[in-house]
C-alpha cells in the first residue's frame, strides 16, 4: 500500500520538499528572492499581508540579500532603524528612476577604453 501511495504522490512530495528547501535558503539570505527589486535608497512600506492595521515606511539604508534595514519615517525615538524581509515590503518610490550615468561610467561601459583609439 505504501508503494502505491508514493507512486501516486511522489512528484508532489518532491515539489514540496524543493519549495521548502528554497524557502529555507531565502530565509537564511543565501538564495535571494528574484521577485524583489528593492535596493538601497528606495522608499518602501510594509505590505497589507505583513500588518493590515498599520504600515511602516522608510528609506532603505542597507541590503542583506533577502532582508533590508530601513530608517522608520515615523519613529518617535532615536532607535529608528528597522529590519524587514524584502517580501514584507513594497516600493513606494524608487530613487534609481531618475538615475543618469556619468561620462566616466558611460566610457567604462564600452569595455576597452575607447579614448585610447583617438
PDB file of N, CA and C in Angstrom:
ATOM      1  N   UNK A   1       0.821  -1.191   0.000  1.00  0.00           N
ATOM      2  CA  UNK A   1       0.000   0.000   0.000  1.00  0.00           C
ATOM      3  C   UNK A   1       0.868   1.259   0.000  1.00  0.00           C
ATOM      4  N   UNK A   2       1.958   1.235   0.710  1.00  0.00           N
ATOM      5  CA  UNK A   2       2.845   2.376   0.745  1.00  0.00           C
ATOM      6  C   UNK A   2       3.425   2.664  -0.633  1.00  0.00           C
ATOM      7  N   UNK A   3       3.757   1.611  -1.352  1.00  0.00           N
ATOM      8  CA  UNK A   3       4.350   1.804  -2.676  1.00  0.00           C
ATOM      9  C   UNK A   3       3.385   2.502  -3.622  1.00  0.00           C
ATOM     10  N   UNK A   4       2.119   2.144  -3.586  1.00  0.00           N
ATOM     11  CA  UNK A   4       1.165   2.785  -4.494  1.00  0.00           C
ATOM     12  C   UNK A   4       0.935   4.255  -4.104  1.00  0.00           C
ATOM     13  N   UNK A   5       0.949   4.534  -2.811  1.00  0.00           N
ATOM     14  CA  UNK A   5       0.802   5.923  -2.376  1.00  0.00           C
ATOM     15  C   UNK A   5       1.969   6.761  -2.881  1.00  0.00           C
ATOM     16  N   UNK A   6       3.184   6.282  -2.677  1.00  0.00           N
ATOM     17  CA  UNK A   6       4.362   7.021  -3.117  1.00  0.00           C
ATOM     18  C   UNK A   6       4.396   7.140  -4.636  1.00  0.00           C
ATOM     19  N   UNK A   7       3.948   6.101  -5.310  1.00  0.00           N
ATOM     20  CA  UNK A   7       3.919   6.151  -6.774  1.00  0.00           C
ATOM     21  C   UNK A   7       2.975   7.256  -7.250  1.00  0.00           C
ATOM     22  N   UNK A   8       1.841   7.403  -6.583  1.00  0.00           N
ATOM     23  CA  UNK A   8       0.846   8.394  -6.986  1.00  0.00           C
ATOM     24  C   UNK A   8       1.221   9.820  -6.553  1.00  0.00           C
ATOM     25  N   UNK A   9       1.958   9.973  -5.463  1.00  0.00           N
ATOM     26  CA  UNK A   9       2.187  11.299  -4.885  1.00  0.00           C
ATOM     27  C   UNK A   9       3.655  11.720  -4.789  1.00  0.00           C
ATOM     28  N   UNK A  10       4.555  10.944  -5.358  1.00  0.00           N
ATOM     29  CA  UNK A  10       5.980  11.251  -5.233  1.00  0.00           C
ATOM     30  C   UNK A  10       6.332  12.621  -5.814  1.00  0.00           C
ATOM     31  N   UNK A  11       5.761  12.989  -6.951  1.00  0.00           N
ATOM     32  CA  UNK A  11       6.095  14.274  -7.559  1.00  0.00           C
ATOM     33  C   UNK A  11       5.638  15.443  -6.673  1.00  0.00           C
ATOM     34  N   UNK A  12       4.491  15.298  -6.029  1.00  0.00           N
ATOM     35  CA  UNK A  12       4.004  16.352  -5.139  1.00  0.00           C
ATOM     36  C   UNK A  12       4.902  16.480  -3.907  1.00  0.00           C
ATOM     37  N   UNK A  13       5.337  15.352  -3.366  1.00  0.00           N
ATOM     38  CA  UNK A  13       6.233  15.366  -2.207  1.00  0.00           C
ATOM     39  C   UNK A  13       7.571  16.007  -2.591  1.00  0.00           C
ATOM     40  N   UNK A  14       8.108  15.632  -3.753  1.00  0.00           N
ATOM     41  CA  UNK A  14       9.376  16.210  -4.214  1.00  0.00           C
ATOM     42  C   UNK A  14       9.254  17.718  -4.405  1.00  0.00           C
ATOM     43  N   UNK A  15       8.173  18.166  -5.004  1.00  0.00           N
ATOM     44  CA  UNK A  15       7.950  19.583  -5.245  1.00  0.00           C
ATOM     45  C   UNK A  15       7.852  20.343  -3.922  1.00  0.00           C
ATOM     46  N   UNK A  16       7.136  19.779  -2.964  1.00  0.00           N
ATOM     47  CA  UNK A  16       7.006  20.401  -1.648  1.00  0.00           C
ATOM     48  C   UNK A  16       8.365  20.530  -0.971  1.00  0.00           C
ATOM     49  N   UNK A  17       9.165  19.467  -1.018  1.00  0.00           N
ATOM     50  CA  UNK A  17      10.472  19.488  -0.363  1.00  0.00           C
ATOM     51  C   UNK A  17      11.414  20.494  -1.042  1.00  0.00           C
ATOM     52  N   UNK A  18      11.331  20.595  -2.368  1.00  0.00           N
ATOM     53  CA  UNK A  18      12.153  21.561  -3.087  1.00  0.00           C
ATOM     54  C   UNK A  18      11.756  22.989  -2.718  1.00  0.00           C
ATOM     55  N   UNK A  19      10.454  23.264  -2.682  1.00  0.00           N
ATOM     56  CA  UNK A  19       9.976  24.595  -2.293  1.00  0.00           C
ATOM     57  C   UNK A  19      10.395  24.938  -0.872  1.00  0.00           C
ATOM     58  N   UNK A  20      10.332  23.961   0.019  1.00  0.00           N
ATOM     59  CA  UNK A  20      10.721  24.159   1.419  1.00  0.00           C
ATOM     60  C   UNK A  20      12.221  24.463   1.513  1.00  0.00           C
ATOM     61  N   UNK A  21      13.046  23.762   0.747  1.00  0.00           N
ATOM     62  CA  UNK A  21      14.490  23.992   0.766  1.00  0.00           C
ATOM     63  C   UNK A  21      14.825  25.393   0.250  1.00  0.00           C
ATOM     64  N   UNK A  22      14.150  25.822  -0.817  1.00  0.00           N
ATOM     65  CA  UNK A  22      14.371  27.160  -1.359  1.00  0.00           C
ATOM     66  C   UNK A  22      13.951  28.217  -0.347  1.00  0.00           C
ATOM     67  N   UNK A  23      12.821  28.004   0.319  1.00  0.00           N
ATOM     68  CA  UNK A  23      12.358  28.958   1.335  1.00  0.00           C
ATOM     69  C   UNK A  23      13.354  29.054   2.486  1.00  0.00           C
ATOM     70  N   UNK A  24      13.906  27.916   2.906  1.00  0.00           N
ATOM     71  CA  UNK A  24      14.910  27.926   3.978  1.00  0.00           C
ATOM     72  C   UNK A  24      16.152  28.716   3.561  1.00  0.00           C
ATOM     73  N   UNK A  25      16.583  28.556   2.302  1.00  0.00           N
ATOM     74  CA  UNK A  25      17.743  29.295   1.806  1.00  0.00           C
ATOM     75  C   UNK A  25      17.438  30.788   1.702  1.00  0.00           C
ATOM     76  N   UNK A  26      16.232  31.139   1.258  1.00  0.00           N
ATOM     77  CA  UNK A  26      15.840  32.547   1.187  1.00  0.00           C
ATOM     78  C   UNK A  26      15.809  33.169   2.573  1.00  0.00           C
ATOM     79  N   UNK A  27      15.262  32.444   3.556  1.00  0.00           N
ATOM     80  CA  UNK A  27      15.188  32.956   4.921  1.00  0.00           C
ATOM     81  C   UNK A  27      16.575  33.168   5.517  1.00  0.00           C
ATOM     82  N   UNK A  28      17.536  32.346   5.104  1.00  0.00           N
ATOM     83  CA  UNK A  28      18.901  32.469   5.610  1.00  0.00           C
ATOM     84  C   UNK A  28      19.699  33.526   4.854  1.00  0.00           C
ATOM     85  N   UNK A  29      19.127  34.062   3.765  1.00  0.00           N
ATOM     86  CA  UNK A  29      19.817  35.084   2.989  1.00  0.00           C
ATOM     87  C   UNK A  29      20.788  34.531   1.975  1.00  0.00           C
ATOM     88  N   UNK A  30      20.773  33.218   1.780  1.00  0.00           N
ATOM     89  CA  UNK A  30      21.707  32.576   0.851  1.00  0.00           C
ATOM     90  C   UNK A  30      21.170  32.606  -0.573  1.00  0.00           C
ATOM     91  N   UNK A  31      19.876  32.495  -0.724  1.00  0.00           N
ATOM     92  CA  UNK A  31      19.237  32.407  -2.036  1.00  0.00           C
ATOM     93  C   UNK A  31      18.254  33.560  -2.143  1.00  0.00           C
ATOM     94  N   UNK A  32      18.655  34.692  -2.730  1.00  0.00           N
ATOM     95  CA  UNK A  32      17.759  35.853  -2.755  1.00  0.00           C
ATOM     96  C   UNK A  32      16.536  35.621  -3.624  1.00  0.00           C
ATOM     97  N   UNK A  33      15.438  36.197  -3.230  1.00  0.00           N
ATOM     98  CA  UNK A  33      14.189  36.104  -3.977  1.00  0.00           C
ATOM     99  C   UNK A  33      14.293  36.989  -5.215  1.00  0.00           C
ATOM    100  N   UNK A  34      14.200  36.410  -6.425  1.00  0.00           N
ATOM    101  CA  UNK A  34      14.353  37.220  -7.633  1.00  0.00           C
ATOM    102  C   UNK A  34      13.196  38.182  -7.866  1.00  0.00           C
ATOM    103  N   UNK A  35      12.099  38.009  -7.163  1.00  0.00           N
ATOM    104  CA  UNK A  35      10.933  38.855  -7.379  1.00  0.00           C
ATOM    105  C   UNK A  35      10.999  40.198  -6.679  1.00  0.00           C
ATOM    106  N   UNK A  36      12.012  40.406  -5.881  1.00  0.00           N
ATOM    107  CA  UNK A  36      12.105  41.659  -5.146  1.00  0.00           C
ATOM    108  C   UNK A  36      13.183  42.542  -5.763  1.00  0.00           C
ATOM    109  N   UNK A  37      12.809  43.731  -6.136  1.00  0.00           N
ATOM    110  CA  UNK A  37      13.735  44.674  -6.752  1.00  0.00           C
ATOM    111  C   UNK A  37      14.107  45.792  -5.792  1.00  0.00           C
ATOM    112  N   UNK A  38      13.915  45.580  -4.510  1.00  0.00           N
ATOM    113  CA  UNK A  38      14.190  46.615  -3.512  1.00  0.00           C
ATOM    114  C   UNK A  38      15.692  46.785  -3.378  1.00  0.00           C
ATOM    115  N   UNK A  39      16.143  48.054  -3.453  1.00  0.00           N
ATOM    116  CA  UNK A  39      17.560  48.373  -3.361  1.00  0.00           C
ATOM    117  C   UNK A  39      17.776  49.512  -2.369  1.00  0.00           C
ATOM    118  N   UNK A  40      19.024  49.731  -2.018  1.00  0.00           N
ATOM    119  CA  UNK A  40      19.381  50.839  -1.128  1.00  0.00           C
ATOM    120  C   UNK A  40      18.939  52.146  -1.778  1.00  0.00           C
ATOM    121  N   UNK A  41      18.285  52.984  -0.991  1.00  0.00           N
ATOM    122  CA  UNK A  41      17.803  54.276  -1.477  1.00  0.00           C
ATOM    123  C   UNK A  41      16.323  54.290  -1.802  1.00  0.00           C
ATOM    124  N   UNK A  42      15.692  53.121  -1.936  1.00  0.00           N
ATOM    125  CA  UNK A  42      14.262  53.062  -2.246  1.00  0.00           C
ATOM    126  C   UNK A  42      13.436  53.455  -1.023  1.00  0.00           C
ATOM    127  N   UNK A  43      12.313  54.108  -1.261  1.00  0.00           N
ATOM    128  CA  UNK A  43      11.348  54.405  -0.211  1.00  0.00           C
ATOM    129  C   UNK A  43      10.331  53.266  -0.234  1.00  0.00           C
ATOM    130  N   UNK A  44      10.186  52.567   0.893  1.00  0.00           N
ATOM    131  CA  UNK A  44       9.341  51.374   0.957  1.00  0.00           C
ATOM    132  C   UNK A  44       8.344  51.474   2.099  1.00  0.00           C
ATOM    133  N   UNK A  45       7.330  50.609   2.043  1.00  0.00           N
ATOM    134  CA  UNK A  45       6.398  50.480   3.163  1.00  0.00           C
ATOM    135  C   UNK A  45       6.023  49.019   3.306  1.00  0.00           C
ATOM    136  N   UNK A  46       5.542  48.663   4.500  1.00  0.00           N
ATOM    137  CA  UNK A  46       5.143  47.282   4.743  1.00  0.00           C
ATOM    138  C   UNK A  46       3.886  46.957   3.946  1.00  0.00           C
ATOM    139  N   UNK A  47       3.742  45.684   3.597  1.00  0.00           N
ATOM    140  CA  UNK A  47       2.582  45.237   2.831  1.00  0.00           C
ATOM    141  C   UNK A  47       1.385  45.014   3.749  1.00  0.00           C
ATOM    142  N   UNK A  48       0.220  44.910   3.154  1.00  0.00           N
ATOM    143  CA  UNK A  48      -1.003  44.614   3.914  1.00  0.00           C
ATOM    144  C   UNK A  48      -0.899  43.247   4.581  1.00  0.00           C
ATOM    145  N   UNK A  49      -0.227  42.294   3.925  1.00  0.00           N
ATOM    146  CA  UNK A  49      -0.086  40.953   4.495  1.00  0.00           C
ATOM    147  C   UNK A  49       0.775  40.972   5.757  1.00  0.00           C
ATOM    148  N   UNK A  50       1.752  41.885   5.798  1.00  0.00           N
ATOM    149  CA  UNK A  50       2.626  41.979   6.967  1.00  0.00           C
ATOM    150  C   UNK A  50       1.861  42.530   8.166  1.00  0.00           C
ATOM    151  N   UNK A  51       1.132  43.619   7.955  1.00  0.00           N
ATOM    152  CA  UNK A  51       0.336  44.215   9.024  1.00  0.00           C
ATOM    153  C   UNK A  51      -0.795  45.002   8.376  1.00  0.00           C
ATOM    154  N   UNK A  52      -2.007  44.518   8.517  1.00  0.00           N
ATOM    155  CA  UNK A  52      -3.147  45.157   7.863  1.00  0.00           C
ATOM    156  C   UNK A  52      -3.650  46.389   8.617  1.00  0.00           C
ATOM    157  N   UNK A  53      -3.222  46.587   9.856  1.00  0.00           N
ATOM    158  CA  UNK A  53      -3.719  47.706  10.657  1.00  0.00           C
ATOM    159  C   UNK A  53      -2.839  48.948  10.583  1.00  0.00           C
ATOM    160  N   UNK A  54      -1.541  48.748  10.424  1.00  0.00           N
ATOM    161  CA  UNK A  54      -0.615  49.877  10.473  1.00  0.00           C
ATOM    162  C   UNK A  54       0.542  49.613   9.508  1.00  0.00           C
ATOM    163  N   UNK A  55       0.882  50.625   8.716  1.00  0.00           N
ATOM    164  CA  UNK A  55       2.022  50.459   7.818  1.00  0.00           C
ATOM    165  C   UNK A  55       3.226  51.196   8.372  1.00  0.00           C
ATOM    166  N   UNK A  56       4.381  50.652   8.086  1.00  0.00           N
ATOM    167  CA  UNK A  56       5.645  51.284   8.445  1.00  0.00           C
ATOM    168  C   UNK A  56       6.343  51.634   7.149  1.00  0.00           C
ATOM    169  N   UNK A  57       6.862  52.839   7.054  1.00  0.00           N
ATOM    170  CA  UNK A  57       7.545  53.239   5.826  1.00  0.00           C
ATOM    171  C   UNK A  57       8.888  53.857   6.160  1.00  0.00           C
ATOM    172  N   UNK A  58       9.775  53.842   5.183  1.00  0.00           N
ATOM    173  CA  UNK A  58      11.081  54.442   5.372  1.00  0.00           C
ATOM    174  C   UNK A  58      11.979  54.197   4.183  1.00  0.00           C
ATOM    175  N   UNK A  59      13.171  54.734   4.271  1.00  0.00           N
ATOM    176  CA  UNK A  59      14.150  54.615   3.198  1.00  0.00           C
ATOM    177  C   UNK A  59      15.107  53.469   3.502  1.00  0.00           C
ATOM    178  N   UNK A  60      15.393  52.646   2.491  1.00  0.00           N
ATOM    179  CA  UNK A  60      16.308  51.519   2.650  1.00  0.00           C
ATOM    180  C   UNK A  60      17.730  52.050   2.758  1.00  0.00           C
ATOM    181  N   UNK A  61      18.435  51.631   3.827  1.00  0.00           N
ATOM    182  CA  UNK A  61      19.805  52.103   4.028  1.00  0.00           C
ATOM    183  C   UNK A  61      20.841  50.986   3.893  1.00  0.00           C
ATOM    184  N   UNK A  62      20.402  49.719   3.971  1.00  0.00           N
ATOM    185  CA  UNK A  62      21.340  48.613   3.839  1.00  0.00           C
ATOM    186  C   UNK A  62      20.602  47.389   3.320  1.00  0.00           C
ATOM    187  N   UNK A  63      21.271  46.614   2.453  1.00  0.00           N
ATOM    188  CA  UNK A  63      20.677  45.440   1.804  1.00  0.00           C
ATOM    189  C   UNK A  63      21.472  44.203   2.199  1.00  0.00           C
ATOM    190  N   UNK A  64      20.772  43.169   2.717  1.00  0.00           N
ATOM    191  CA  UNK A  64      21.412  41.919   3.128  1.00  0.00           C
ATOM    192  C   UNK A  64      20.899  40.730   2.320  1.00  0.00           C
ATOM    193  N   UNK A  65      20.541  40.927   1.077  1.00  0.00           N
ATOM    194  CA  UNK A  65      20.020  39.822   0.265  1.00  0.00           C
ATOM    195  C   UNK A  65      18.510  39.766   0.349  1.00  0.00           C
ATOM    196  N   UNK A  66      17.984  38.968   1.271  1.00  0.00           N
ATOM    197  CA  UNK A  66      16.529  38.884   1.398  1.00  0.00           C
ATOM    198  C   UNK A  66      15.987  39.764   2.529  1.00  0.00           C
ATOM    199  N   UNK A  67      16.882  40.459   3.235  1.00  0.00           N
ATOM    200  CA  UNK A  67      16.480  41.393   4.288  1.00  0.00           C
ATOM    201  C   UNK A  67      17.091  42.758   4.008  1.00  0.00           C
ATOM    202  N   UNK A  68      16.432  43.799   4.518  1.00  0.00           N
ATOM    203  CA  UNK A  68      16.951  45.158   4.394  1.00  0.00           C
ATOM    204  C   UNK A  68      16.774  45.901   5.710  1.00  0.00           C
ATOM    205  N   UNK A  69      17.573  46.950   5.885  1.00  0.00           N
ATOM    206  CA  UNK A  69      17.403  47.876   7.003  1.00  0.00           C
ATOM    207  C   UNK A  69      16.788  49.142   6.446  1.00  0.00           C
ATOM    208  N   UNK A  70      15.790  49.668   7.163  1.00  0.00           N
ATOM    209  CA  UNK A  70      15.179  50.932   6.763  1.00  0.00           C
ATOM    210  C   UNK A  70      15.220  51.903   7.940  1.00  0.00           C
ATOM    211  N   UNK A  71      15.178  53.197   7.613  1.00  0.00           N
ATOM    212  CA  UNK A  71      15.020  54.230   8.636  1.00  0.00           C
ATOM    213  C   UNK A  71      13.539  54.548   8.703  1.00  0.00           C
ATOM    214  N   UNK A  72      12.927  54.280   9.851  1.00  0.00           N
ATOM    215  CA  UNK A  72      11.496  54.479  10.048  1.00  0.00           C
ATOM    216  C   UNK A  72      11.151  55.971  10.003  1.00  0.00           C
ATOM    217  N   UNK A  73      10.249  56.329   9.078  1.00  0.00           N
ATOM    218  CA  UNK A  73       9.837  57.731   8.917  1.00  0.00           C
ATOM    219  C   UNK A  73       9.117  58.277  10.151  1.00  0.00           C
ATOM    220  N   UNK A  74       8.382  57.419  10.844  1.00  0.00           N
ATOM    221  CA  UNK A  74       7.532  57.868  11.943  1.00  0.00           C
ATOM    222  C   UNK A  74       8.052  57.478  13.319  1.00  0.00           C
ATOM    223  N   UNK A  75       9.339  57.165  13.413  1.00  0.00           N
ATOM    224  CA  UNK A  75       9.889  56.748  14.707  1.00  0.00           C
ATOM    225  C   UNK A  75       9.826  57.895  15.702  1.00  0.00           C
ATOM    226  N   UNK A  76       9.444  57.562  16.923  1.00  0.00           N
ATOM    227  CA  UNK A  76       9.351  58.569  17.974  1.00  0.00           C
ATOM    228  C   UNK A  76      10.543  58.510  18.920  1.00  0.00           C
ATOM    229  N   UNK A  77      11.470  57.629  18.644  1.00  0.00           N
ATOM    230  CA  UNK A  77      12.665  57.504  19.476  1.00  0.00           C
ATOM    231  C   UNK A  77      13.895  57.590  18.581  1.00  0.00           C
ATOM    232  N   UNK A  78      15.066  57.597  19.193  1.00  0.00           N
ATOM    233  CA  UNK A  78      16.307  57.635  18.421  1.00  0.00           C
ATOM    234  C   UNK A  78      16.594  56.307  17.734  1.00  0.00           C
ATOM    235  N   UNK A  79      15.998  55.230  18.228  1.00  0.00           N
ATOM    236  CA  UNK A  79      16.190  53.904  17.641  1.00  0.00           C
ATOM    237  C   UNK A  79      15.219  53.757  16.466  1.00  0.00           C
ATOM    238  N   UNK A  80      15.604  54.283  15.314  1.00  0.00           N
ATOM    239  CA  UNK A  80      14.684  54.336  14.183  1.00  0.00           C
ATOM    240  C   UNK A  80      15.057  53.401  13.036  1.00  0.00           C
ATOM    241  N   UNK A  81      16.027  52.505  13.236  1.00  0.00           N
ATOM    242  CA  UNK A  81      16.431  51.561  12.202  1.00  0.00           C
ATOM    243  C   UNK A  81      15.714  50.229  12.429  1.00  0.00           C
ATOM    244  N   UNK A  82      15.026  49.764  11.388  1.00  0.00           N
ATOM    245  CA  UNK A  82      14.253  48.523  11.473  1.00  0.00           C
ATOM    246  C   UNK A  82      14.704  47.548  10.400  1.00  0.00           C
ATOM    247  N   UNK A  83      14.593  46.248  10.682  1.00  0.00           N
ATOM    248  CA  UNK A  83      14.966  45.209   9.724  1.00  0.00           C
ATOM    249  C   UNK A  83      13.707  44.477   9.256  1.00  0.00           C
ATOM    250  N   UNK A  84      13.601  44.281   7.936  1.00  0.00           N
ATOM    251  CA  UNK A  84      12.461  43.580   7.351  1.00  0.00           C
ATOM    252  C   UNK A  84      12.929  42.616   6.278  1.00  0.00           C
ATOM    253  N   UNK A  85      12.144  41.541   6.079  1.00  0.00           N
ATOM    254  CA  UNK A  85      12.318  40.721   4.883  1.00  0.00           C
ATOM    255  C   UNK A  85      11.804  41.539   3.700  1.00  0.00           C
ATOM    256  N   UNK A  86      12.471  41.422   2.562  1.00  0.00           N
ATOM    257  CA  UNK A  86      12.032  42.145   1.369  1.00  0.00           C
ATOM    258  C   UNK A  86      10.616  41.744   0.968  1.00  0.00           C
ATOM    259  N   UNK A  87      10.258  40.494   1.234  1.00  0.00           N
ATOM    260  CA  UNK A  87       8.928  40.017   0.865  1.00  0.00           C
ATOM    261  C   UNK A  87       7.824  40.705   1.666  1.00  0.00           C
ATOM    262  N   UNK A  88       8.173  41.350   2.787  1.00  0.00           N
ATOM    263  CA  UNK A  88       7.195  42.060   3.615  1.00  0.00           C
ATOM    264  C   UNK A  88       7.077  43.535   3.245  1.00  0.00           C
ATOM    265  N   UNK A  89       7.820  43.965   2.210  1.00  0.00           N
ATOM    266  CA  UNK A  89       7.848  45.375   1.829  1.00  0.00           C
ATOM    267  C   UNK A  89       7.425  45.572   0.377  1.00  0.00           C
ATOM    268  N   UNK A  90       6.973  46.777   0.091  1.00  0.00           N
ATOM    269  CA  UNK A  90       6.683  47.166  -1.290  1.00  0.00           C
ATOM    270  C   UNK A  90       7.281  48.545  -1.532  1.00  0.00           C
ATOM    271  N   UNK A  91       7.704  48.776  -2.770  1.00  0.00           N
ATOM    272  CA  UNK A  91       8.349  50.038  -3.114  1.00  0.00           C
ATOM    273  C   UNK A  91       7.291  51.125  -3.294  1.00  0.00           C
ATOM    274  N   UNK A  92       7.509  52.257  -2.635  1.00  0.00           N
ATOM    275  CA  UNK A  92       6.652  53.428  -2.826  1.00  0.00           C
ATOM    276  C   UNK A  92       7.291  54.323  -3.881  1.00  0.00           C
ATOM    277  N   UNK A  93       8.590  54.538  -3.735  1.00  0.00           N
ATOM    278  CA  UNK A  93       9.319  55.424  -4.634  1.00  0.00           C
ATOM    279  C   UNK A  93      10.717  54.864  -4.822  1.00  0.00           C
ATOM    280  N   UNK A  94      11.178  54.847  -6.058  1.00  0.00           N
ATOM    281  CA  UNK A  94      12.481  54.299  -6.374  1.00  0.00           C
ATOM    282  C   UNK A  94      13.434  55.432  -6.714  1.00  0.00           C
ATOM    283  N   UNK A  95      14.511  55.583  -5.949  1.00  0.00           N
ATOM    284  CA  UNK A  95      15.497  56.634  -6.194  1.00  0.00           C
ATOM    285  C   UNK A  95      16.240  56.444  -7.505  1.00  0.00           C
ATOM    286  N   UNK A  96      16.274  55.211  -8.006  1.00  0.00           N
ATOM    287  CA  UNK A  96      17.064  54.918  -9.191  1.00  0.00           C
ATOM    288  C   UNK A  96      16.332  55.245 -10.488  1.00  0.00           C
ATOM    289  N   UNK A  97      15.068  55.704 -10.433  1.00  0.00           N
ATOM    290  CA  UNK A  97      14.317  56.003 -11.647  1.00  0.00           C
ATOM    291  C   UNK A  97      14.906  57.189 -12.412  1.00  0.00           C
ATOM    292  N   UNK A  98      15.453  58.170 -11.720  1.00  0.00           N
ATOM    293  CA  UNK A  98      15.994  59.363 -12.353  1.00  0.00           C
ATOM    294  C   UNK A  98      17.506  59.291 -12.520  1.00  0.00           C
ATOM    295  N   UNK A  99      18.046  58.095 -12.404  1.00  0.00           N
ATOM    296  CA  UNK A  99      19.489  57.925 -12.462  1.00  0.00           C
ATOM    297  C   UNK A  99      20.013  58.185 -13.872  1.00  0.00           C
ATOM    298  N   UNK A 100      21.065  58.966 -13.966  1.00  0.00           N
ATOM    299  CA  UNK A 100      21.734  59.213 -15.246  1.00  0.00           C
ATOM    300  C   UNK A 100      23.218  58.946 -15.044  1.00  0.00           C
ATOM    301  N   UNK A 101      23.805  58.045 -15.849  1.00  0.00           N
ATOM    302  CA  UNK A 101      25.211  57.706 -15.646  1.00  0.00           C
ATOM    303  C   UNK A 101      26.127  58.881 -15.945  1.00  0.00           C
ATOM    304  N   UNK A 102      27.269  58.892 -15.271  1.00  0.00           N
ATOM    305  CA  UNK A 102      28.264  59.934 -15.511  1.00  0.00           C
ATOM    306  C   UNK A 102      29.000  59.634 -16.812  1.00  0.00           C
ATOM    307  N   UNK A 103      29.762  60.604 -17.306  1.00  0.00           N
ATOM    308  CA  UNK A 103      30.541  60.406 -18.518  1.00  0.00           C
ATOM    309  C   UNK A 103      31.534  59.254 -18.344  1.00  0.00           C
ATOM    310  N   UNK A 104      32.165  59.191 -17.178  1.00  0.00           N
ATOM    311  CA  UNK A 104      33.131  58.132 -16.918  1.00  0.00           C
ATOM    312  C   UNK A 104      32.456  56.761 -16.953  1.00  0.00           C
ATOM    313  N   UNK A 105      31.270  56.637 -16.335  1.00  0.00           N
ATOM    314  CA  UNK A 105      30.543  55.360 -16.356  1.00  0.00           C
ATOM    315  C   UNK A 105      30.173  54.968 -17.775  1.00  0.00           C
ATOM    316  N   UNK A 106      29.790  55.923 -18.593  1.00  0.00           N
ATOM    317  CA  UNK A 106      29.461  55.624 -19.996  1.00  0.00           C
ATOM    318  C   UNK A 106      30.709  55.157 -20.752  1.00  0.00           C
ATOM    319  N   UNK A 107      31.845  55.806 -20.523  1.00  0.00           N
ATOM    320  CA  UNK A 107      33.078  55.402 -21.181  1.00  0.00           C
ATOM    321  C   UNK A 107      33.486  53.996 -20.760  1.00  0.00           C
ATOM    322  N   UNK A 108      33.339  53.686 -19.457  1.00  0.00           N
ATOM    323  CA  UNK A 108      33.730  52.376 -18.953  1.00  0.00           C
ATOM    324  C   UNK A 108      32.791  51.275 -19.419  1.00  0.00           C
ATOM    325  N   UNK A 109      31.565  51.611 -19.798  1.00  0.00           N
ATOM    326  CA  UNK A 109      30.617  50.587 -20.234  1.00  0.00           C
ATOM    327  C   UNK A 109      30.988  49.998 -21.588  1.00  0.00           C
ATOM    328  N   UNK A 110      31.896  50.645 -22.319  1.00  0.00           N
ATOM    329  CA  UNK A 110      32.321  50.125 -23.618  1.00  0.00           C
ATOM    330  C   UNK A 110      33.410  49.071 -23.491  1.00  0.00           C
ATOM    331  N   UNK A 111      33.872  48.798 -22.292  1.00  0.00           N
ATOM    332  CA  UNK A 111      34.909  47.780 -22.102  1.00  0.00           C
ATOM    333  C   UNK A 111      36.288  48.360 -22.348  1.00  0.00           C
ATOM    334  N   UNK A 112      36.768  48.243 -23.561  1.00  0.00           N
ATOM    335  CA  UNK A 112      38.068  48.791 -23.931  1.00  0.00           C
ATOM    336  C   UNK A 112      37.984  50.312 -23.894  1.00  0.00           C
ATOM    337  N   UNK A 113      38.937  50.961 -23.272  1.00  0.00           N
ATOM    338  CA  UNK A 113      38.904  52.430 -23.254  1.00  0.00           C
ATOM    339  C   UNK A 113      38.887  52.980 -24.681  1.00  0.00           C
ATOM    340  N   UNK A 114      37.763  53.476 -25.089  1.00  0.00           N
ATOM    341  CA  UNK A 114      37.589  53.929 -26.470  1.00  0.00           C
ATOM    342  C   UNK A 114      38.439  55.157 -26.783  1.00  0.00           C
ATOM    343  N   UNK A 115      38.760  55.958 -25.746  1.00  0.00           N
ATOM    344  CA  UNK A 115      39.519  57.178 -25.997  1.00  0.00           C
ATOM    345  C   UNK A 115      40.967  56.891 -26.373  1.00  0.00           C
ATOM    346  N   UNK A 116      41.448  55.660 -26.104  1.00  0.00           N
ATOM    347  CA  UNK A 116      42.825  55.312 -26.472  1.00  0.00           C
ATOM    348  C   UNK A 116      42.991  55.176 -27.982  1.00  0.00           C
ATOM    349  N   UNK A 117      41.871  55.006 -28.691  1.00  0.00           N
ATOM    350  CA  UNK A 117      41.927  54.818 -30.143  1.00  0.00           C
ATOM    351  C   UNK A 117      41.962  56.164 -30.872  1.00  0.00           C
ATOM    352  N   UNK A 118      41.722  57.227 -30.171  1.00  0.00           N
ATOM    353  CA  UNK A 118      41.647  58.546 -30.816  1.00  0.00           C
ATOM    354  C   UNK A 118      43.036  59.115 -30.998  1.00  0.00           C
TER     355      UNK A 118
END
